Amino acid sequence: MAATASHRPRTKPPEERRDDLMSAAQDLFLAQGIAATTVEQITSAAGVAKGTFYLYFPTKEDVLVPLGDRYAEQHLAAIKQALAKAPDDWKEWLSAWAKACVGFYLDSIRLHDVLFFARPPTRQGLVDNIVIDHLGELLRAGTEAGAWTIDDPHATAVFLFSGLHGVVDDAYMKDQRVNRARLAARIERLCSSTLGIA
């Protein structure tokens, strides 16, 4: 038994250690805000020495960028999962995209606000992300299949994604108990109208 234990690695791989620090920071940022969170609290929650933090991040604010990237990856995974379950039909895929985006955004709205409103948004950050890229590819493929006609799939994806955020924010500000099905249907109709499909 002791021999087996001695063969275990004593430290986690760097990627896993970085992820632990990110998760600890995210939990603390959500619980008490970024300003009130210290590097020592993050490393204590992650179970590492304080100096370990600086091997991965210069400051606690620098954790926000990879956390934002991870958020986008999780958002895209939720969209892909919804599309995979949808019937093989372009309009159904558009509907699944709208529902998945609404659901993910509302489920994670506090985290979204911590990650993206805690620092000034950049123009690039507002239009350059993997969720928009994925939607652009979906719109391009739909155009090639004759499901809709658009001149610029990427610009249309930026428009739809930004519009979705605006519509969800508007509904959420009016009533935080948002009727998700109704909101998703409204966004689906707006998307269909933009793409010129019935």
C-alpha atoms as a PDB file:
ATOM      1  CA  MET A   1       0.000   0.000   0.000  1.00  0.00           C
ATOM      2  CA  ALA A   2       2.786   2.434   0.932  1.00  0.00           C
ATOM      3  CA  ALA A   3       4.685   1.588  -2.249  1.00  0.00           C
ATOM      4  CA  THR A   4       1.636   2.407  -4.345  1.00  0.00           C
ATOM      5  CA  ALA A   5       1.189   5.728  -2.596  1.00  0.00           C
ATOM      6  CA  SER A   6       4.846   6.625  -3.163  1.00  0.00           C
ATOM      7  CA  HIS A   7       4.369   6.236  -6.924  1.00  0.00           C
ATOM      8  CA  ARG A   8       1.580   8.814  -7.069  1.00  0.00           C
ATOM      9  CA  PRO A   9       2.586  12.168  -8.517  1.00  0.00           C
ATOM     10  CA  ARG A  10       3.122  14.679  -5.694  1.00  0.00           C
ATOM     11  CA  THR A  11       1.877  17.645  -7.684  1.00  0.00           C
ATOM     12  CA  LYS A  12      -0.915  18.178 -10.164  1.00  0.00           C
ATOM     13  CA  PRO A  13      -0.175  18.879 -13.823  1.00  0.00           C
ATOM     14  CA  PRO A  14       0.203  22.636 -14.528  1.00  0.00           C
ATOM     15  CA  GLU A  15      -3.055  22.795 -16.537  1.00  0.00           C
ATOM     16  CA  GLU A  16      -4.990  21.224 -13.667  1.00  0.00           C
ATOM     17  CA  ARG A  17      -3.371  23.518 -11.094  1.00  0.00           C
ATOM     18  CA  ARG A  18      -4.235  26.560 -13.248  1.00  0.00           C
ATOM     19  CA  ASP A  19      -7.816  25.352 -13.575  1.00  0.00           C
ATOM     20  CA  ASP A  20      -8.043  24.900  -9.787  1.00  0.00           C
ATOM     21  CA  LEU A  21      -6.876  28.494  -9.276  1.00  0.00           C
ATOM     22  CA  MET A  22      -9.373  29.745 -11.852  1.00  0.00           C
ATOM     23  CA  SER A  23     -12.248  27.841 -10.238  1.00  0.00           C
ATOM     24  CA  ALA A  24     -11.314  29.100  -6.776  1.00  0.00           C
ATOM     25  CA  ALA A  25     -11.115  32.669  -8.065  1.00  0.00           C
ATOM     26  CA  GLN A  26     -14.465  32.342  -9.835  1.00  0.00           C
ATOM     27  CA  ASP A  27     -16.198  31.080  -6.690  1.00  0.00           C
ATOM     28  CA  LEU A  28     -14.741  33.899  -4.607  1.00  0.00           C
ATOM     29  CA  PHE A  29     -15.493  36.569  -7.214  1.00  0.00           C
ATOM     30  CA  LEU A  30     -19.117  35.419  -7.247  1.00  0.00           C
ATOM     31  CA  ALA A  31     -19.356  35.242  -3.458  1.00  0.00           C
ATOM     32  CA  GLN A  32     -17.700  38.509  -2.479  1.00  0.00           C
ATOM     33  CA  GLY A  33     -16.703  40.436  -5.591  1.00  0.00           C
ATOM     34  CA  ILE A  34     -13.357  40.933  -7.273  1.00  0.00           C
ATOM     35  CA  ALA A  35     -12.222  43.912  -5.204  1.00  0.00           C
ATOM     36  CA  ALA A  36     -12.765  42.096  -1.897  1.00  0.00           C
ATOM     37  CA  THR A  37     -11.006  38.919  -3.046  1.00  0.00           C
ATOM     38  CA  THR A  38      -7.315  38.513  -2.303  1.00  0.00           C
ATOM     39  CA  VAL A  39      -4.729  36.308  -3.983  1.00  0.00           C
ATOM     40  CA  GLU A  40      -4.196  34.623  -0.615  1.00  0.00           C
ATOM     41  CA  GLN A  41      -7.881  33.681  -0.451  1.00  0.00           C
ATOM     42  CA  ILE A  42      -7.708  32.255  -3.980  1.00  0.00           C
ATOM     43  CA  THR A  43      -4.618  30.145  -3.263  1.00  0.00           C
ATOM     44  CA  SER A  44      -6.026  28.985   0.077  1.00  0.00           C
ATOM     45  CA  ALA A  45      -9.251  27.851  -1.614  1.00  0.00           C
ATOM     46  CA  ALA A  46      -7.216  26.108  -4.324  1.00  0.00           C
ATOM     47  CA  GLY A  47      -4.987  24.431  -1.729  1.00  0.00           C
ATOM     48  CA  VAL A  48      -1.682  25.841  -2.958  1.00  0.00           C
ATOM     49  CA  ALA A  49       1.003  28.199  -1.687  1.00  0.00           C
ATOM     50  CA  LYS A  50       0.469  31.886  -2.417  1.00  0.00           C
ATOM     51  CA  GLY A  51       3.525  32.053  -4.687  1.00  0.00           C
ATOM     52  CA  THR A  52       2.018  29.379  -6.958  1.00  0.00           C
ATOM     53  CA  PHE A  53      -0.583  31.872  -8.128  1.00  0.00           C
ATOM     54  CA  TYR A  54       2.072  34.089  -9.721  1.00  0.00           C
ATOM     55  CA  LEU A  55       3.386  31.213 -11.813  1.00  0.00           C
ATOM     56  CA  TYR A  56       0.123  31.449 -13.761  1.00  0.00           C
ATOM     57  CA  PHE A  57      -1.248  34.990 -13.351  1.00  0.00           C
ATOM     58  CA  PRO A  58       0.431  38.372 -12.748  1.00  0.00           C
ATOM     59  CA  THR A  59      -2.603  39.718 -10.819  1.00  0.00           C
ATOM     60  CA  LYS A  60      -6.014  38.491  -9.695  1.00  0.00           C
ATOM     61  CA  GLU A  61      -7.604  40.594 -12.470  1.00  0.00           C
ATOM     62  CA  ASP A  62      -5.631  38.599 -15.039  1.00  0.00           C
ATOM     63  CA  VAL A  63      -7.691  35.537 -14.105  1.00  0.00           C
ATOM     64  CA  LEU A  64     -10.726  37.194 -15.721  1.00  0.00           C
ATOM     65  CA  VAL A  65      -9.543  36.648 -19.311  1.00  0.00           C
ATOM     66  CA  PRO A  66      -9.135  32.849 -19.109  1.00  0.00           C
ATOM     67  CA  LEU A  67     -12.325  32.646 -17.041  1.00  0.00           C
ATOM     68  CA  GLY A  68     -14.094  34.510 -19.841  1.00  0.00           C
ATOM     69  CA  ASP A  69     -12.633  32.068 -22.368  1.00  0.00           C
ATOM     70  CA  ARG A  70     -13.814  29.119 -20.292  1.00  0.00           C
ATOM     71  CA  TYR A  71     -17.269  30.682 -20.029  1.00  0.00           C
ATOM     72  CA  ALA A  72     -17.436  30.992 -23.827  1.00  0.00           C
ATOM     73  CA  GLU A  73     -16.330  27.357 -24.235  1.00  0.00           C
ATOM     74  CA  GLN A  74     -19.070  26.207 -21.860  1.00  0.00           C
ATOM     75  CA  HIS A  75     -21.601  28.382 -23.685  1.00  0.00           C
ATOM     76  CA  LEU A  76     -20.605  26.874 -27.024  1.00  0.00           C
ATOM     77  CA  ALA A  77     -20.748  23.344 -25.590  1.00  0.00           C
ATOM     78  CA  ALA A  78     -24.337  23.978 -24.449  1.00  0.00           C
ATOM     79  CA  ILE A  79     -25.264  25.232 -27.925  1.00  0.00           C
ATOM     80  CA  LYS A  80     -23.668  22.250 -29.668  1.00  0.00           C
ATOM     81  CA  GLN A  81     -25.453  19.857 -27.320  1.00  0.00           C
ATOM     82  CA  ALA A  82     -28.799  21.506 -28.073  1.00  0.00           C
ATOM     83  CA  LEU A  83     -28.181  21.424 -31.832  1.00  0.00           C
ATOM     84  CA  ALA A  84     -27.212  17.748 -31.676  1.00  0.00           C
ATOM     85  CA  LYS A  85     -30.581  16.936 -30.064  1.00  0.00           C
ATOM     86  CA  ALA A  86     -32.629  19.054 -32.494  1.00  0.00           C
ATOM     87  CA  PRO A  87     -34.397  17.576 -35.554  1.00  0.00           C
ATOM     88  CA  ASP A  88     -32.426  17.701 -38.796  1.00  0.00           C
ATOM     89  CA  ASP A  89     -33.936  20.961 -40.014  1.00  0.00           C
ATOM     90  CA  TRP A  90     -32.464  24.460 -40.391  1.00  0.00           C
ATOM     91  CA  LYS A  91     -35.328  26.233 -38.667  1.00  0.00           C
ATOM     92  CA  GLU A  92     -35.197  23.737 -35.797  1.00  0.00           C
ATOM     93  CA  TRP A  93     -31.466  24.342 -35.464  1.00  0.00           C
ATOM     94  CA  LEU A  94     -32.080  28.085 -35.303  1.00  0.00           C
ATOM     95  CA  SER A  95     -34.722  27.488 -32.641  1.00  0.00           C
ATOM     96  CA  ALA A  96     -32.359  25.237 -30.672  1.00  0.00           C
ATOM     97  CA  TRP A  97     -29.637  27.886 -30.906  1.00  0.00           C
ATOM     98  CA  ALA A  98     -31.989  30.568 -29.529  1.00  0.00           C
ATOM     99  CA  LYS A  99     -33.218  28.371 -26.666  1.00  0.00           C
ATOM    100  CA  ALA A 100     -29.710  27.246 -25.717  1.00  0.00           C
ATOM    101  CA  CYS A 101     -28.377  30.808 -25.722  1.00  0.00           C
ATOM    102  CA  VAL A 102     -31.263  32.152 -23.651  1.00  0.00           C
ATOM    103  CA  GLY A 103     -31.020  29.299 -21.153  1.00  0.00           C
ATOM    104  CA  PHE A 104     -27.256  29.453 -20.748  1.00  0.00           C
ATOM    105  CA  TYR A 105     -27.187  33.233 -20.443  1.00  0.00           C
ATOM    106  CA  LEU A 106     -29.944  33.339 -17.825  1.00  0.00           C
ATOM    107  CA  ASP A 107     -28.481  30.396 -15.874  1.00  0.00           C
ATOM    108  CA  SER A 108     -25.091  32.099 -15.695  1.00  0.00           C
ATOM    109  CA  ILE A 109     -26.035  35.776 -15.735  1.00  0.00           C
ATOM    110  CA  ARG A 110     -24.323  36.575 -12.418  1.00  0.00           C
ATOM    111  CA  LEU A 111     -21.113  34.925 -13.583  1.00  0.00           C
ATOM    112  CA  HIS A 112     -21.394  36.658 -16.958  1.00  0.00           C
ATOM    113  CA  ASP A 113     -21.687  40.027 -15.248  1.00  0.00           C
ATOM    114  CA  VAL A 114     -18.715  39.363 -12.948  1.00  0.00           C
ATOM    115  CA  LEU A 115     -16.508  38.242 -15.813  1.00  0.00           C
ATOM    116  CA  PHE A 116     -17.457  40.755 -18.472  1.00  0.00           C
ATOM    117  CA  PHE A 117     -18.659  43.859 -16.645  1.00  0.00           C
ATOM    118  CA  ALA A 118     -15.854  43.960 -14.078  1.00  0.00           C
ATOM    119  CA  ARG A 119     -13.460  45.177 -16.739  1.00  0.00           C
ATOM    120  CA  PRO A 120     -14.090  47.635 -19.544  1.00  0.00           C
ATOM    121  CA  PRO A 121     -15.361  45.778 -22.629  1.00  0.00           C
ATOM    122  CA  THR A 122     -13.182  45.984 -25.713  1.00  0.00           C
ATOM    123  CA  ARG A 123     -14.519  46.339 -29.221  1.00  0.00           C
ATOM    124  CA  GLN A 124     -12.760  43.114 -30.162  1.00  0.00           C
ATOM    125  CA  GLY A 125     -14.254  41.268 -27.199  1.00  0.00           C
ATOM    126  CA  LEU A 126     -17.777  42.287 -28.204  1.00  0.00           C
ATOM    127  CA  VAL A 127     -17.528  40.754 -31.681  1.00  0.00           C
ATOM    128  CA  ASP A 128     -14.699  38.217 -31.624  1.00  0.00           C
ATOM    129  CA  ASN A 129     -15.635  35.039 -29.779  1.00  0.00           C
ATOM    130  CA  ILE A 130     -16.124  31.359 -30.482  1.00  0.00           C
ATOM    131  CA  VAL A 131     -19.910  31.499 -30.047  1.00  0.00           C
ATOM    132  CA  ILE A 132     -20.230  34.120 -32.793  1.00  0.00           C
ATOM    133  CA  ASP A 133     -17.793  32.149 -34.968  1.00  0.00           C
ATOM    134  CA  HIS A 134     -19.900  29.007 -34.543  1.00  0.00           C
ATOM    135  CA  LEU A 135     -23.120  30.864 -35.357  1.00  0.00           C
ATOM    136  CA  GLY A 136     -21.420  32.389 -38.410  1.00  0.00           C
ATOM    137  CA  GLU A 137     -20.545  28.895 -39.647  1.00  0.00           C
ATOM    138  CA  LEU A 138     -24.128  27.746 -39.070  1.00  0.00           C
ATOM    139  CA  LEU A 139     -25.442  30.728 -41.041  1.00  0.00           C
ATOM    140  CA  ARG A 140     -22.926  30.151 -43.835  1.00  0.00           C
ATOM    141  CA  ALA A 141     -23.882  26.469 -44.098  1.00  0.00           C
ATOM    142  CA  GLY A 142     -27.580  27.385 -44.117  1.00  0.00           C
ATOM    143  CA  THR A 143     -26.974  29.884 -46.912  1.00  0.00           C
ATOM    144  CA  GLU A 144     -25.155  27.240 -48.966  1.00  0.00           C
ATOM    145  CA  ALA A 145     -28.035  24.816 -48.351  1.00  0.00           C
ATOM    146  CA  GLY A 146     -30.585  27.406 -49.511  1.00  0.00           C
ATOM    147  CA  ALA A 147     -32.286  27.638 -46.095  1.00  0.00           C
ATOM    148  CA  TRP A 148     -31.898  31.445 -46.109  1.00  0.00           C
ATOM    149  CA  THR A 149     -30.114  34.122 -48.095  1.00  0.00           C
ATOM    150  CA  ILE A 150     -27.617  36.426 -46.411  1.00  0.00           C
ATOM    151  CA  ASP A 151     -24.634  38.282 -47.846  1.00  0.00           C
ATOM    152  CA  ASP A 152     -22.336  38.204 -44.814  1.00  0.00           C
ATOM    153  CA  PRO A 153     -22.766  35.313 -42.350  1.00  0.00           C
ATOM    154  CA  HIS A 154     -20.234  36.691 -39.864  1.00  0.00           C
ATOM    155  CA  ALA A 155     -21.775  40.172 -39.708  1.00  0.00           C
ATOM    156  CA  THR A 156     -25.220  38.578 -39.370  1.00  0.00           C
ATOM    157  CA  ALA A 157     -23.922  36.372 -36.540  1.00  0.00           C
ATOM    158  CA  VAL A 158     -22.553  39.433 -34.728  1.00  0.00           C
ATOM    159  CA  PHE A 159     -25.907  41.189 -35.197  1.00  0.00           C
ATOM    160  CA  LEU A 160     -27.958  38.228 -33.939  1.00  0.00           C
ATOM    161  CA  PHE A 161     -25.681  37.458 -30.984  1.00  0.00           C
ATOM    162  CA  SER A 162     -25.517  41.084 -29.856  1.00  0.00           C
ATOM    163  CA  GLY A 163     -29.254  41.456 -30.368  1.00  0.00           C
ATOM    164  CA  LEU A 164     -29.942  38.341 -28.320  1.00  0.00           C
ATOM    165  CA  HIS A 165     -27.959  39.773 -25.408  1.00  0.00           C
ATOM    166  CA  GLY A 166     -29.889  43.029 -25.647  1.00  0.00           C
ATOM    167  CA  VAL A 167     -33.299  41.340 -25.741  1.00  0.00           C
ATOM    168  CA  VAL A 168     -32.456  39.029 -22.821  1.00  0.00           C
ATOM    169  CA  ASP A 169     -31.068  41.937 -20.779  1.00  0.00           C
ATOM    170  CA  ASP A 170     -34.198  43.975 -21.503  1.00  0.00           C
ATOM    171  CA  ALA A 171     -36.475  41.138 -20.364  1.00  0.00           C
ATOM    172  CA  TYR A 172     -34.330  40.409 -17.297  1.00  0.00           C
ATOM    173  CA  MET A 173     -34.307  44.059 -16.205  1.00  0.00           C
ATOM    174  CA  LYS A 174     -38.114  44.145 -16.368  1.00  0.00           C
ATOM    175  CA  ASP A 175     -38.617  40.900 -14.467  1.00  0.00           C
ATOM    176  CA  GLN A 176     -35.893  38.528 -13.281  1.00  0.00           C
ATOM    177  CA  ARG A 177     -38.422  35.677 -13.386  1.00  0.00           C
ATOM    178  CA  VAL A 178     -38.172  35.573 -17.164  1.00  0.00           C
ATOM    179  CA  ASN A 179     -40.469  33.230 -19.073  1.00  0.00           C
ATOM    180  CA  ARG A 180     -37.693  31.448 -20.952  1.00  0.00           C
ATOM    181  CA  ALA A 181     -39.863  29.676 -23.503  1.00  0.00           C
ATOM    182  CA  ARG A 182     -41.612  32.906 -24.472  1.00  0.00           C
ATOM    183  CA  LEU A 183     -38.331  34.823 -24.613  1.00  0.00           C
ATOM    184  CA  ALA A 184     -36.640  32.139 -26.716  1.00  0.00           C
ATOM    185  CA  ALA A 185     -39.623  32.110 -29.094  1.00  0.00           C
ATOM    186  CA  ARG A 186     -39.413  35.905 -29.435  1.00  0.00           C
ATOM    187  CA  ILE A 187     -35.700  35.703 -30.229  1.00  0.00           C
ATOM    188  CA  GLU A 188     -36.321  32.871 -32.675  1.00  0.00           C
ATOM    189  CA  ARG A 189     -38.908  35.025 -34.493  1.00  0.00           C
ATOM    190  CA  LEU A 190     -36.458  37.938 -34.634  1.00  0.00           C
ATOM    191  CA  CYS A 191     -33.745  35.639 -36.008  1.00  0.00           C
ATOM    192  CA  SER A 192     -36.128  34.163 -38.587  1.00  0.00           C
ATOM    193  CA  SER A 193     -37.228  37.627 -39.641  1.00  0.00           C
ATOM    194  CA  THR A 194     -33.601  38.715 -40.048  1.00  0.00           C
ATOM    195  CA  LEU A 195     -32.852  35.663 -42.176  1.00  0.00           C
ATOM    196  CA  GLY A 196     -36.060  36.025 -44.193  1.00  0.00           C
ATOM    197  CA  ILE A 197     -37.546  32.655 -43.282  1.00  0.00           C
ATOM    198  CA  ALA A 198     -41.161  31.960 -42.349  1.00  0.00           C
END
